[in-house]
C-alpha atoms as a PDB file:
ATOM      1  CA  MET A   1    -187.452-108.611-153.574  1.00  0.00           C
ATOM      2  CA  ARG A   2    -186.163-105.653-155.527  1.00  0.00           C
ATOM      3  CA  ILE A   3    -183.722-103.284-153.884  1.00  0.00           C
ATOM      4  CA  ASN A   4    -186.233-100.413-153.891  1.00  0.00           C
ATOM      5  CA  GLN A   5    -188.819-102.588-152.151  1.00  0.00           C
ATOM      6  CA  ARG A   6    -186.286-103.703-149.543  1.00  0.00           C
ATOM      7  CA  LEU A   7    -185.275-100.117-148.851  1.00  0.00           C
ATOM      8  CA  GLN A   8    -188.910 -99.059-148.562  1.00  0.00           C
ATOM      9  CA  THR A   9    -189.621-101.909-146.154  1.00  0.00           C
ATOM     10  CA  MET A  10    -186.628-100.964-144.024  1.00  0.00           C
ATOM     11  CA  GLU A  11    -187.729 -97.328-144.041  1.00  0.00           C
ATOM     12  CA  ASP A  12    -191.275 -98.293-143.053  1.00  0.00           C
ATOM     13  CA  LEU A  13    -189.993-100.335-140.091  1.00  0.00           C
ATOM     14  CA  LEU A  14    -187.531 -97.709-138.868  1.00  0.00           C
ATOM     15  CA  PRO A  15    -189.907 -95.745-136.566  1.00  0.00           C
ATOM     16  CA  MET A  16    -190.991 -98.967-134.841  1.00  0.00           C
ATOM     17  CA  ARG A  17    -187.401-100.106-134.428  1.00  0.00           C
ATOM     18  CA  LEU A  18    -186.231 -96.756-133.077  1.00  0.00           C
ATOM     19  CA  TYR A  19    -189.071 -96.725-130.558  1.00  0.00           C
ATOM     20  CA  ASN A  20    -188.451-100.321-129.454  1.00  0.00           C
ATOM     21  CA  SER A  21    -184.721 -99.695-129.110  1.00  0.00           C
ATOM     22  CA  SER A  22    -185.298 -96.916-126.593  1.00  0.00           C
ATOM     23  CA  ILE A  23    -187.960 -98.367-124.296  1.00  0.00           C
ATOM     24  CA  SER A  24    -187.533-100.043-120.932  1.00  0.00           C
ATOM     25  CA  MET A  25    -188.104-103.739-120.364  1.00  0.00           C
ATOM     26  CA  ASP A  26    -191.679-103.082-119.162  1.00  0.00           C
ATOM     27  CA  ASP A  27    -192.847-100.601-121.804  1.00  0.00           C
ATOM     28  CA  PRO A  28    -195.151-101.834-124.570  1.00  0.00           C
ATOM     29  CA  LEU A  29    -193.510-103.050-127.757  1.00  0.00           C
ATOM     30  CA  ARG A  30    -194.591-101.720-131.127  1.00  0.00           C
ATOM     31  CA  TYR A  31    -195.164-103.939-134.134  1.00  0.00           C
ATOM     32  CA  PRO A  32    -195.560-103.271-137.853  1.00  0.00           C
ATOM     33  CA  PRO A  33    -199.010-101.791-138.520  1.00  0.00           C
ATOM     34  CA  ALA A  34    -200.242-104.704-140.636  1.00  0.00           C
ATOM     35  CA  ILE A  35    -199.607-107.285-137.893  1.00  0.00           C
ATOM     36  CA  ASN A  36    -202.567-108.539-135.870  1.00  0.00           C
ATOM     37  CA  ILE A  37    -201.257-108.729-132.298  1.00  0.00           C
ATOM     38  CA  VAL A  38    -202.716-111.735-130.487  1.00  0.00           C
ATOM     39  CA  GLU A  39    -201.448-114.356-128.057  1.00  0.00           C
ATOM     40  CA  PRO A  40    -198.595-115.369-127.862  1.00  0.00           C
ATOM     41  CA  PHE A  41    -197.178-112.019-129.048  1.00  0.00           C
ATOM     42  CA  PRO A  42    -195.155-110.447-126.254  1.00  0.00           C
ATOM     43  CA  ASN A  43    -196.280-107.031-125.046  1.00  0.00           C
ATOM     44  CA  THR A  44    -192.932-106.085-123.487  1.00  0.00           C
ATOM     45  CA  LYS A  45    -189.251-106.971-123.750  1.00  0.00           C
ATOM     46  CA  ASN A  46    -189.632-108.930-120.514  1.00  0.00           C
ATOM     47  CA  GLU A  47    -192.376-111.033-122.086  1.00  0.00           C
ATOM     48  CA  LEU A  48    -190.221-111.518-125.181  1.00  0.00           C
ATOM     49  CA  ASN A  49    -187.516-112.971-122.934  1.00  0.00           C
ATOM     50  CA  GLU A  50    -190.033-115.540-121.673  1.00  0.00           C
ATOM     51  CA  LEU A  51    -191.241-116.866-125.041  1.00  0.00           C
ATOM     52  CA  THR A  52    -190.952-120.598-125.608  1.00  0.00           C
ATOM     53  CA  ILE A  53    -189.610-122.023-128.856  1.00  0.00           C
ATOM     54  CA  ALA A  54    -193.171-122.858-129.937  1.00  0.00           C
ATOM     55  CA  HIS A  55    -194.359-119.315-129.239  1.00  0.00           C
ATOM     56  CA  CYS A  56    -191.314-117.889-131.011  1.00  0.00           C
ATOM     57  CA  ALA A  57    -192.243-119.916-134.091  1.00  0.00           C
ATOM     58  CA  VAL A  58    -195.773-118.478-134.079  1.00  0.00           C
ATOM     59  CA  VAL A  59    -194.589-114.891-133.611  1.00  0.00           C
ATOM     60  CA  ALA A  60    -191.757-115.194-136.139  1.00  0.00           C
ATOM     61  CA  GLY A  61    -194.118-116.707-138.704  1.00  0.00           C
ATOM     62  CA  ALA A  62    -196.653-113.918-138.238  1.00  0.00           C
ATOM     63  CA  LEU A  63    -193.870-111.358-138.673  1.00  0.00           C
ATOM     64  CA  GLY A  64    -192.770-113.039-141.905  1.00  0.00           C
ATOM     65  CA  LEU A  65    -189.400-114.107-140.543  1.00  0.00           C
ATOM     66  CA  PRO A  66    -187.676-117.207-141.918  1.00  0.00           C
ATOM     67  CA  GLN A  67    -187.976-120.472-140.044  1.00  0.00           C
ATOM     68  CA  VAL A  68    -185.028-121.260-137.832  1.00  0.00           C
ATOM     69  CA  PRO A  69    -183.148-124.509-138.421  1.00  0.00           C
ATOM     70  CA  PRO A  70    -183.788-127.521-136.189  1.00  0.00           C
ATOM     71  CA  GLY A  71    -181.733-127.398-133.020  1.00  0.00           C
ATOM     72  CA  THR A  72    -181.894-123.615-132.717  1.00  0.00           C
ATOM     73  CA  THR A  73    -181.992-122.590-129.069  1.00  0.00           C
ATOM     74  CA  VAL A  74    -184.813-120.586-127.552  1.00  0.00           C
ATOM     75  CA  VAL A  75    -182.360-117.733-126.954  1.00  0.00           C
ATOM     76  CA  GLU A  76    -181.536-117.627-130.673  1.00  0.00           C
ATOM     77  CA  CYS A  77    -185.241-117.730-131.554  1.00  0.00           C
ATOM     78  CA  ARG A  78    -185.958-114.805-129.238  1.00  0.00           C
ATOM     79  CA  LYS A  79    -182.996-112.914-130.688  1.00  0.00           C
ATOM     80  CA  GLN A  80    -184.383-113.275-134.214  1.00  0.00           C
ATOM     81  CA  ILE A  81    -187.623-111.608-133.117  1.00  0.00           C
ATOM     82  CA  SER A  82    -185.956-108.932-131.012  1.00  0.00           C
ATOM     83  CA  ASN A  83    -183.597-108.031-133.863  1.00  0.00           C
ATOM     84  CA  PHE A  84    -186.528-107.644-136.241  1.00  0.00           C
ATOM     85  CA  LEU A  85    -188.413-105.462-133.761  1.00  0.00           C
ATOM     86  CA  GLY A  86    -185.353-103.331-133.063  1.00  0.00           C
ATOM     87  CA  CYS A  87    -185.042-104.252-129.417  1.00  0.00           C
ATOM     88  CA  ALA A  88    -181.997-106.492-129.498  1.00  0.00           C
ATOM     89  CA  MET A  89    -181.142-107.420-125.967  1.00  0.00           C
END
């Protein structure tokens, strides 16, 4: 990906990340506009903390995140998603 495209992508995601960084554990999460939010996508940070490894794989794949290596813990999988969304916990 070219540097200009990467910067544009980061800029496009910034409002979502700023919002998600400031909400409580029970407030609704925001996702990129092009993402179709369906099960098992978490609606809140609390729900994100309850995702299984299998659900993390589905959500991460839909968000376009890289696959995690075998042996990655569920906590690390959740962290990958929360970092992308801007709600690192």
